[in-house]
Every structure is written in structure tokens, then in C-alpha cells.
Amino acid sequence: MLSQPKPKKVGRPKLAKGESKAATVRVRATPNELKAYDKAARANGQIRSAWIRGTLNAATRLPETGNRKGCHE
């Protein structure tokens, strides 16, 4: 008997070692704050999380970890 080929995995491929984020930060925001964050992110060609990460890193003088582009989050 011939073995069946494994089906292709669905989803994003695994990130290289050290590329994934280690922690999640949860912050409460009002609907108006979220709208403002989304507007600022779109103006910079980023998704919300990338914009927030970049803004926080700039405030703490940490280097950028990448500018993930997109229009959803």
C-alpha cells in the first residue's frame, strides 16, 4: 500500500528563532483612543500593534523591531 501524502499545513510559517515576540501587553483604551491609534497607524502604513510598539520604543529609546505593514488588526 502506498502512504498518503501529508496535507499542507494551513497558516503562517513558523518564524525564525528569536523573531517571535516574547510577551503580550494588554492595555485598556476607549473607542476614541482606538480610532486615533488606527488613524495614526494607517497614516504611517502600519497596523495598530506595529504603530503602538514603534511609538513605545521611541518613547523609551529602544531600537525598532520591524515595521509590519498591513491594514487590519
C-alpha atoms as a PDB file:
ATOM      1  CA  MET A   1       0.000   0.000   0.000  1.00  0.00           C
ATOM      2  CA  LEU A   2       1.112   3.496  -0.790  1.00  0.00           C
ATOM      3  CA  SER A   3       1.102   6.003   2.030  1.00  0.00           C
ATOM      4  CA  GLN A   4      -0.975   9.125   1.668  1.00  0.00           C
ATOM      5  CA  PRO A   5       0.973  12.403   1.359  1.00  0.00           C
ATOM      6  CA  LYS A   6       0.610  14.684   4.363  1.00  0.00           C
ATOM      7  CA  PRO A   7      -1.779  17.587   3.749  1.00  0.00           C
ATOM      8  CA  LYS A   8      -0.247  21.044   3.520  1.00  0.00           C
ATOM      9  CA  LYS A   9      -0.296  22.948   6.805  1.00  0.00           C
ATOM     10  CA  VAL A  10      -2.547  25.991   6.951  1.00  0.00           C
ATOM     11  CA  GLY A  11      -1.424  29.359   8.292  1.00  0.00           C
ATOM     12  CA  ARG A  12       1.691  31.434   8.580  1.00  0.00           C
ATOM     13  CA  PRO A  13       5.019  29.591   8.501  1.00  0.00           C
ATOM     14  CA  LYS A  14       6.945  29.459  11.773  1.00  0.00           C
ATOM     15  CA  LEU A  15       9.201  32.437  12.474  1.00  0.00           C
ATOM     16  CA  ALA A  16      12.961  32.010  12.675  1.00  0.00           C
ATOM     17  CA  LYS A  17      14.433  31.524  16.133  1.00  0.00           C
ATOM     18  CA  GLY A  18      14.445  34.818  18.032  1.00  0.00           C
ATOM     19  CA  GLU A  19      11.985  36.510  15.651  1.00  0.00           C
ATOM     20  CA  SER A  20       8.837  35.943  17.680  1.00  0.00           C
ATOM     21  CA  LYS A  21       7.658  38.311  20.377  1.00  0.00           C
ATOM     22  CA  ALA A  22       8.092  37.025  23.913  1.00  0.00           C
ATOM     23  CA  ALA A  23       5.221  38.739  25.740  1.00  0.00           C
ATOM     24  CA  THR A  24       1.828  40.317  25.194  1.00  0.00           C
ATOM     25  CA  VAL A  25       0.892  43.664  26.724  1.00  0.00           C
ATOM     26  CA  ARG A  26      -2.797  44.346  27.276  1.00  0.00           C
ATOM     27  CA  VAL A  27      -3.949  47.940  27.617  1.00  0.00           C
ATOM     28  CA  ARG A  28      -7.462  49.297  28.027  1.00  0.00           C
ATOM     29  CA  ALA A  29      -8.383  52.060  25.590  1.00  0.00           C
ATOM     30  CA  THR A  30     -11.559  53.973  24.857  1.00  0.00           C
ATOM     31  CA  PRO A  31     -13.198  53.626  21.447  1.00  0.00           C
ATOM     32  CA  ASN A  32     -11.978  57.148  20.586  1.00  0.00           C
ATOM     33  CA  GLU A  33      -8.415  56.240  21.562  1.00  0.00           C
ATOM     34  CA  LEU A  34      -8.538  53.122  19.367  1.00  0.00           C
ATOM     35  CA  LYS A  35      -9.790  55.197  16.438  1.00  0.00           C
ATOM     36  CA  ALA A  36      -6.931  57.655  16.961  1.00  0.00           C
ATOM     37  CA  TYR A  37      -4.364  54.824  17.163  1.00  0.00           C
ATOM     38  CA  ASP A  38      -5.745  53.228  13.992  1.00  0.00           C
ATOM     39  CA  LYS A  39      -5.711  56.554  12.137  1.00  0.00           C
ATOM     40  CA  ALA A  40      -2.099  57.223  13.153  1.00  0.00           C
ATOM     41  CA  ALA A  41      -1.077  53.677  12.217  1.00  0.00           C
ATOM     42  CA  ARG A  42      -2.707  53.918   8.772  1.00  0.00           C
ATOM     43  CA  ALA A  43      -1.019  57.280   8.197  1.00  0.00           C
ATOM     44  CA  ASN A  44       2.313  55.509   8.747  1.00  0.00           C
ATOM     45  CA  GLY A  45       1.385  52.449   6.671  1.00  0.00           C
ATOM     46  CA  GLN A  46       1.346  50.183   9.723  1.00  0.00           C
ATOM     47  CA  ILE A  47      -1.058  48.014  11.638  1.00  0.00           C
ATOM     48  CA  ARG A  48      -2.110  49.120  15.111  1.00  0.00           C
ATOM     49  CA  SER A  49       0.253  46.857  17.073  1.00  0.00           C
ATOM     50  CA  ALA A  50       3.285  47.863  14.991  1.00  0.00           C
ATOM     51  CA  TRP A  51       2.472  51.548  15.441  1.00  0.00           C
ATOM     52  CA  ILE A  52       1.981  51.180  19.201  1.00  0.00           C
ATOM     53  CA  ARG A  53       5.215  49.152  19.524  1.00  0.00           C
ATOM     54  CA  GLY A  54       7.171  51.722  17.499  1.00  0.00           C
ATOM     55  CA  THR A  55       5.717  54.625  19.480  1.00  0.00           C
ATOM     56  CA  LEU A  56       6.546  52.974  22.802  1.00  0.00           C
ATOM     57  CA  ASN A  57      10.036  52.021  21.636  1.00  0.00           C
ATOM     58  CA  ALA A  58      10.663  55.603  20.501  1.00  0.00           C
ATOM     59  CA  ALA A  59       9.485  56.899  23.884  1.00  0.00           C
ATOM     60  CA  THR A  60      11.881  54.543  25.657  1.00  0.00           C
ATOM     61  CA  ARG A  61      14.625  54.958  23.040  1.00  0.00           C
ATOM     62  CA  LEU A  62      14.592  51.255  22.125  1.00  0.00           C
ATOM     63  CA  PRO A  63      15.510  50.263  18.547  1.00  0.00           C
ATOM     64  CA  GLU A  64      12.732  49.416  16.095  1.00  0.00           C
ATOM     65  CA  THR A  65      11.904  45.710  15.822  1.00  0.00           C
ATOM     66  CA  GLY A  66      10.385  45.964  12.348  1.00  0.00           C
ATOM     67  CA  ASN A  67       7.537  47.832  10.712  1.00  0.00           C
ATOM     68  CA  ARG A  68       4.919  45.227   9.981  1.00  0.00           C
ATOM     69  CA  LYS A  69       2.676  46.636   7.304  1.00  0.00           C
ATOM     70  CA  GLY A  70      -0.993  45.918   6.838  1.00  0.00           C
ATOM     71  CA  CYS A  71      -4.386  47.419   7.378  1.00  0.00           C
ATOM     72  CA  HIS A  72      -6.024  45.070   9.862  1.00  0.00           C
ATOM     73  CA  GLU A  73      -5.574  44.016  13.443  1.00  0.00           C
END
